[in-house]
Amino acid sequence: MKRNDIRAIAFDMDGTLLNEKGQISSRIKKVLNKLKEREIELMLSTGRSYEALLPFKNELELNSPVICYNGAQVLQADGVIIRNHTIDNDISGHLVSFAREKCVHFQAYSNGTLYFEKMTPEAEAYENHVNLRGKVINFDTMKPHDFTKLMYLGAHEKLEGLSNSIKELYSGNLSVTFSNPVYLEFMPGGVSKGDALYEVAEHLGIETTNIMAFGDGDNDISMIKVAGTGVAMENATSELKSIADEVTLSNTDDGVAEFLEEFFGL
């Protein structure tokens, strides 16, 4: 892929665009500003909610669509929703019951608000990670749930076992992925960052072959496959690295900036 072929770049946030402190480095900001001068669309593609990504979008002064909740929601640059998918209410009800049975912390997003039933150490750590405050509620009182995304938080080994059980039960009707080893995330069936990237490309009037994408987690695999140029971080999962076109330095070493500087001759 030649530099002049790239018309848009999609960035995962945690573990990719953000460093180990959850911040965007001055080097990355400088590089992105140069790319904006070339009229390249720069967009965030994340498992986070719109409310949690907005401070970073504003910090970078981006004016492009955004992909949230691993593709369950896509918004225009001005925040107007292009698409919004929610988990089937019967399935979400079972996911809640299953989490209670297995004694795993669970939480969900509905209409932009984060909900959980108990303020656990996992909930507190998550709130601090995304800089977003949730609300405590009995999920049985939420009718319908209208969950854009539901999450289990805990030790990876336990979550992996739960993931396998749920995939077998709801194959095709539920999207299941890890955004990081301790976050198991559920979205409506057919939803992924890659699927959302097709929609964004159509909205922008460009081909996905003219999009570059950066990611590090299993939830980025579909996006890296769809993009014309898919770039994995050094800290990415082994599966993501295996399907990426290129591998750059880790997020702690400004891998995004390093790759873009070399690719575009900045």
Protein backbone atom coordinates (compact mmCIF):
# COMPACT_ATOMS: atom_id res chain seq x y z
CA MET A 1 0.00 0.00 0.00
CA LYS A 2 1.35 3.43 -1.00
CA ARG A 3 1.06 6.41 1.31
CA ASN A 4 -1.12 8.29 -1.19
CA ASP A 5 -3.64 5.43 -1.15
CA ILE A 6 -4.49 5.96 2.52
CA ARG A 7 -7.54 8.18 3.01
CA ALA A 8 -8.48 7.23 6.58
CA ILE A 9 -6.85 5.71 9.66
CA ALA A 10 -8.71 3.94 12.47
CA PHE A 11 -7.13 3.72 15.91
CA ASP A 12 -7.95 1.43 18.76
CA MET A 13 -7.41 3.32 22.01
CA ASP A 14 -6.37 1.21 25.02
CA GLY A 15 -3.08 -0.55 24.38
CA THR A 16 -2.69 1.20 21.02
CA LEU A 17 -3.14 4.97 20.81
CA LEU A 18 -2.93 5.44 24.59
CA ASN A 19 0.30 4.78 26.50
CA GLU A 20 0.66 2.88 29.77
CA LYS A 21 -0.64 5.94 31.63
CA GLY A 22 -3.79 6.07 29.52
CA GLN A 23 -2.58 9.22 27.78
CA ILE A 24 -1.81 10.35 24.24
CA SER A 25 1.85 11.29 23.87
CA SER A 26 2.99 14.61 22.44
CA ARG A 27 4.76 12.70 19.66
CA ILE A 28 1.52 11.05 18.53
CA LYS A 29 -0.31 14.39 18.65
CA LYS A 30 2.35 15.97 16.43
CA VAL A 31 2.12 13.14 13.90
CA LEU A 32 -1.70 13.21 13.78
CA ASN A 33 -1.70 16.97 13.25
CA LYS A 34 0.53 16.51 10.21
CA LEU A 35 -1.82 13.87 8.84
CA LYS A 36 -4.83 16.15 9.33
CA GLU A 37 -3.03 18.70 7.13
CA ARG A 38 -3.04 16.02 4.42
CA GLU A 39 -6.84 15.69 4.86
CA ILE A 40 -6.64 12.09 6.05
CA GLU A 41 -9.66 11.05 8.15
CA LEU A 42 -8.52 10.07 11.65
CA MET A 43 -11.01 8.08 13.71
CA LEU A 44 -11.21 6.31 17.02
CA SER A 45 -12.44 2.71 17.10
CA THR A 46 -12.85 1.39 20.61
CA GLY A 47 -14.70 -0.83 23.02
CA ARG A 48 -15.35 2.27 25.10
CA SER A 49 -18.57 4.26 25.15
CA TYR A 50 -18.87 7.56 23.32
CA GLU A 51 -18.87 9.36 26.66
CA ALA A 52 -15.55 7.73 27.62
CA LEU A 53 -13.80 8.44 24.30
CA LEU A 54 -15.08 12.01 23.89
CA PRO A 55 -12.33 13.69 25.99
CA PHE A 56 -9.68 12.10 23.75
CA LYS A 57 -11.56 13.01 20.57
CA ASN A 58 -11.71 16.60 21.77
CA GLU A 59 -8.08 16.59 22.85
CA LEU A 60 -7.03 15.54 19.34
CA GLU A 61 -9.60 17.85 17.71
CA LEU A 62 -10.84 15.03 15.48
CA ASN A 63 -13.69 15.63 13.06
CA SER A 64 -14.43 12.11 11.85
CA PRO A 65 -16.92 9.37 12.74
CA VAL A 66 -16.20 7.16 15.75
CA ILE A 67 -16.77 3.47 16.44
CA CYS A 68 -17.84 2.61 20.00
CA TYR A 69 -18.66 -0.55 21.97
CA ASN A 70 -16.56 -2.69 19.58
CA GLY A 71 -18.79 -1.69 16.69
CA ALA A 72 -22.23 -1.83 18.31
CA GLN A 73 -22.51 1.94 17.93
CA VAL A 74 -21.22 4.28 15.21
CA LEU A 75 -21.54 8.04 15.46
CA GLN A 76 -20.89 10.97 13.17
CA ALA A 77 -18.24 13.49 14.14
CA ASP A 78 -20.94 15.67 15.78
CA GLY A 79 -22.16 12.80 17.96
CA VAL A 80 -25.26 11.95 15.93
CA ILE A 81 -25.78 8.18 15.97
CA ILE A 82 -25.43 6.45 12.61
CA ARG A 83 -26.19 3.00 13.99
CA ASN A 84 -26.90 1.49 17.39
CA HIS A 85 -27.37 -2.22 18.07
CA THR A 86 -28.51 -3.73 21.37
CA ILE A 87 -28.35 -7.27 22.73
CA ASP A 88 -31.53 -9.34 22.56
CA ASN A 89 -33.30 -8.94 25.91
CA ASP A 90 -33.68 -12.68 26.53
CA ILE A 91 -29.98 -13.24 25.87
CA SER A 92 -28.93 -10.35 28.11
CA GLY A 93 -31.18 -11.71 30.85
CA HIS A 94 -29.44 -15.07 30.65
CA LEU A 95 -25.99 -13.43 30.69
CA VAL A 96 -26.95 -11.64 33.90
CA SER A 97 -28.25 -14.84 35.53
CA PHE A 98 -25.19 -16.79 34.39
CA ALA A 99 -22.84 -14.19 35.89
CA ARG A 100 -24.68 -14.29 39.21
CA GLU A 101 -24.50 -18.08 39.21
CA LYS A 102 -20.75 -18.08 38.50
CA CYS A 103 -20.05 -15.25 40.97
CA VAL A 104 -18.35 -13.03 38.40
CA HIS A 105 -18.61 -9.24 38.30
CA PHE A 106 -20.84 -8.06 35.45
CA GLN A 107 -21.79 -4.64 34.15
CA ALA A 108 -23.50 -3.20 31.10
CA TYR A 109 -24.02 -0.06 29.05
CA SER A 110 -27.52 1.12 28.19
CA ASN A 111 -28.24 4.41 26.42
CA GLY A 112 -24.74 5.68 27.20
CA THR A 113 -24.86 4.91 30.94
CA LEU A 114 -22.73 2.31 32.72
CA TYR A 115 -24.63 0.08 35.17
CA PHE A 116 -23.63 -2.61 37.67
CA GLU A 117 -25.38 -4.27 40.59
CA LYS A 118 -22.59 -3.90 43.14
CA MET A 119 -19.65 -1.57 43.64
CA THR A 120 -16.92 -4.20 43.55
CA PRO A 121 -13.14 -3.74 43.28
CA GLU A 122 -13.50 -4.65 39.59
CA ALA A 123 -16.13 -1.94 39.09
CA GLU A 124 -14.02 0.67 40.85
CA ALA A 125 -10.93 -0.23 38.82
CA TYR A 126 -12.93 -0.06 35.59
CA GLU A 127 -14.41 3.33 36.46
CA ASN A 128 -10.92 4.69 37.08
CA HIS A 129 -9.63 3.12 33.86
CA VAL A 130 -12.22 4.76 31.59
CA ASN A 131 -12.74 7.84 33.80
CA LEU A 132 -16.48 7.24 33.84
CA ARG A 133 -18.81 6.80 36.81
CA GLY A 134 -21.40 4.04 36.78
CA LYS A 135 -24.75 3.59 38.53
CA VAL A 136 -25.73 0.78 40.90
CA ILE A 137 -29.03 -0.84 39.98
CA ASN A 138 -30.83 -4.18 40.21
CA PHE A 139 -30.78 -5.37 36.60
CA ASP A 140 -34.09 -7.17 37.13
CA THR A 141 -35.76 -3.75 37.34
CA MET A 142 -34.49 -2.72 33.90
CA LYS A 143 -37.17 -3.65 31.37
CA PRO A 144 -36.09 -3.88 28.63
CA HIS A 145 -32.35 -3.93 29.18
CA ASP A 146 -31.38 -2.29 25.88
CA PHE A 147 -27.74 -3.21 26.52
CA THR A 148 -25.33 -2.00 23.87
CA LYS A 149 -22.58 -3.99 25.57
CA LEU A 150 -22.40 -6.29 28.58
CA MET A 151 -19.12 -7.21 30.28
CA TYR A 152 -17.74 -9.80 32.67
CA LEU A 153 -14.64 -8.72 34.62
CA GLY A 154 -12.23 -11.04 36.40
CA ALA A 155 -9.33 -13.47 36.08
CA HIS A 156 -8.66 -14.44 32.47
CA GLU A 157 -8.67 -18.18 33.11
CA LYS A 158 -12.16 -18.06 34.59
CA LEU A 159 -13.48 -15.71 31.92
CA GLU A 160 -12.09 -17.89 29.15
CA GLY A 161 -14.09 -20.86 30.39
CA LEU A 162 -17.26 -18.77 30.59
CA SER A 163 -16.59 -17.40 27.12
CA ASN A 164 -16.41 -20.87 25.61
CA SER A 165 -19.68 -21.91 27.25
CA ILE A 166 -21.51 -18.80 26.07
CA LYS A 167 -20.16 -19.05 22.52
CA GLU A 168 -21.49 -22.59 22.25
CA LEU A 169 -24.90 -21.51 23.49
CA TYR A 170 -25.35 -18.36 21.42
CA SER A 171 -23.28 -18.96 18.29
CA GLY A 172 -24.30 -16.36 15.69
CA ASN A 173 -26.64 -14.49 18.04
CA LEU A 174 -24.01 -12.87 20.21
CA SER A 175 -20.59 -11.35 19.54
CA VAL A 176 -18.09 -12.40 22.20
CA THR A 177 -14.57 -10.98 22.52
CA PHE A 178 -11.80 -9.98 24.91
CA SER A 179 -10.74 -6.34 24.76
CA ASN A 180 -8.02 -7.23 27.26
CA PRO A 181 -7.38 -10.38 29.31
CA VAL A 182 -9.66 -9.33 32.19
CA TYR A 183 -12.54 -7.84 30.15
CA LEU A 184 -14.87 -10.31 28.45
CA GLU A 185 -17.31 -8.34 26.33
CA PHE A 186 -20.65 -9.22 24.74
CA MET A 187 -22.32 -7.34 21.89
CA PRO A 188 -25.25 -8.12 19.57
CA GLY A 189 -24.66 -10.90 17.05
CA GLY A 190 -22.80 -9.82 13.91
CA VAL A 191 -21.32 -6.76 15.59
CA SER A 192 -17.59 -6.10 15.33
CA LYS A 193 -15.16 -3.28 14.69
CA GLY A 194 -14.60 -4.68 11.21
CA ASP A 195 -18.30 -4.66 10.39
CA ALA A 196 -18.54 -1.08 11.67
CA LEU A 197 -15.53 -0.08 9.56
CA TYR A 198 -17.44 -1.07 6.41
CA GLU A 199 -20.26 1.23 7.49
CA VAL A 200 -17.92 4.12 8.24
CA ALA A 201 -16.19 3.68 4.87
CA GLU A 202 -19.56 3.87 3.11
CA HIS A 203 -20.47 6.95 5.15
CA LEU A 204 -17.20 8.62 4.11
CA GLY A 205 -17.50 7.50 0.51
CA ILE A 206 -14.23 5.56 0.48
CA GLU A 207 -13.14 1.94 0.11
CA THR A 208 -11.91 -0.08 3.08
CA THR A 209 -8.80 -0.82 1.03
CA ASN A 210 -7.90 2.85 1.51
CA ILE A 211 -8.11 2.58 5.31
CA MET A 212 -5.24 1.84 7.68
CA ALA A 213 -6.03 0.45 11.14
CA PHE A 214 -4.06 -0.02 14.36
CA GLY A 215 -4.93 -2.41 17.20
CA ASP A 216 -3.67 -4.69 19.95
CA GLY A 217 -6.55 -6.85 21.21
CA ASP A 218 -8.67 -9.72 19.97
CA ASN A 219 -11.54 -7.24 19.57
CA ASP A 220 -9.41 -5.54 16.88
CA ILE A 221 -8.94 -8.65 14.72
CA SER A 222 -11.96 -8.00 12.47
CA MET A 223 -10.91 -4.37 11.93
CA ILE A 224 -7.33 -5.31 11.08
CA LYS A 225 -8.65 -7.87 8.56
CA VAL A 226 -11.04 -5.41 6.89
CA ALA A 227 -8.58 -2.50 6.62
CA GLY A 228 -6.38 -2.29 3.55
CA THR A 229 -3.38 -1.98 5.85
CA GLY A 230 -3.68 -3.57 9.29
CA VAL A 231 -1.02 -2.77 11.86
CA ALA A 232 -0.58 -4.67 15.13
CA MET A 233 1.22 -3.30 18.16
CA GLU A 234 4.17 -5.21 19.59
CA ASN A 235 2.06 -5.70 22.73
CA ALA A 236 -0.79 -7.19 20.67
CA THR A 237 -2.16 -10.70 21.13
CA SER A 238 -0.44 -13.42 19.14
CA GLU A 239 -3.57 -14.01 17.05
CA LEU A 240 -3.77 -10.35 16.04
CA LYS A 241 -0.10 -10.25 15.10
CA SER A 242 -0.52 -13.35 12.97
CA ILE A 243 -3.13 -11.71 10.70
CA ALA A 244 -1.76 -8.14 10.62
CA ASP A 245 0.05 -6.78 7.57
CA GLU A 246 2.61 -5.04 9.75
CA VAL A 247 3.77 -4.99 13.39
CA THR A 248 5.03 -1.81 15.02
CA LEU A 249 6.52 -0.98 18.42
CA SER A 250 4.42 -1.24 21.59
CA ASN A 251 2.08 1.46 22.81
CA THR A 252 4.60 2.30 25.55
CA ASP A 253 7.19 3.03 22.83
CA ASP A 254 4.95 5.23 20.66
CA GLY A 255 4.47 2.46 18.13
CA VAL A 256 1.67 4.32 16.33
CA ALA A 257 3.82 7.42 15.82
CA GLU A 258 6.85 5.33 14.85
CA PHE A 259 4.97 3.52 12.08
CA LEU A 260 3.18 6.60 10.73
CA GLU A 261 6.38 8.69 10.65
CA GLU A 262 8.13 6.05 8.57
CA PHE A 263 5.17 5.17 6.34
CA PHE A 264 4.26 8.76 5.46
CA GLY A 265 7.81 10.16 5.59
CA LEU A 266 6.90 12.66 8.29
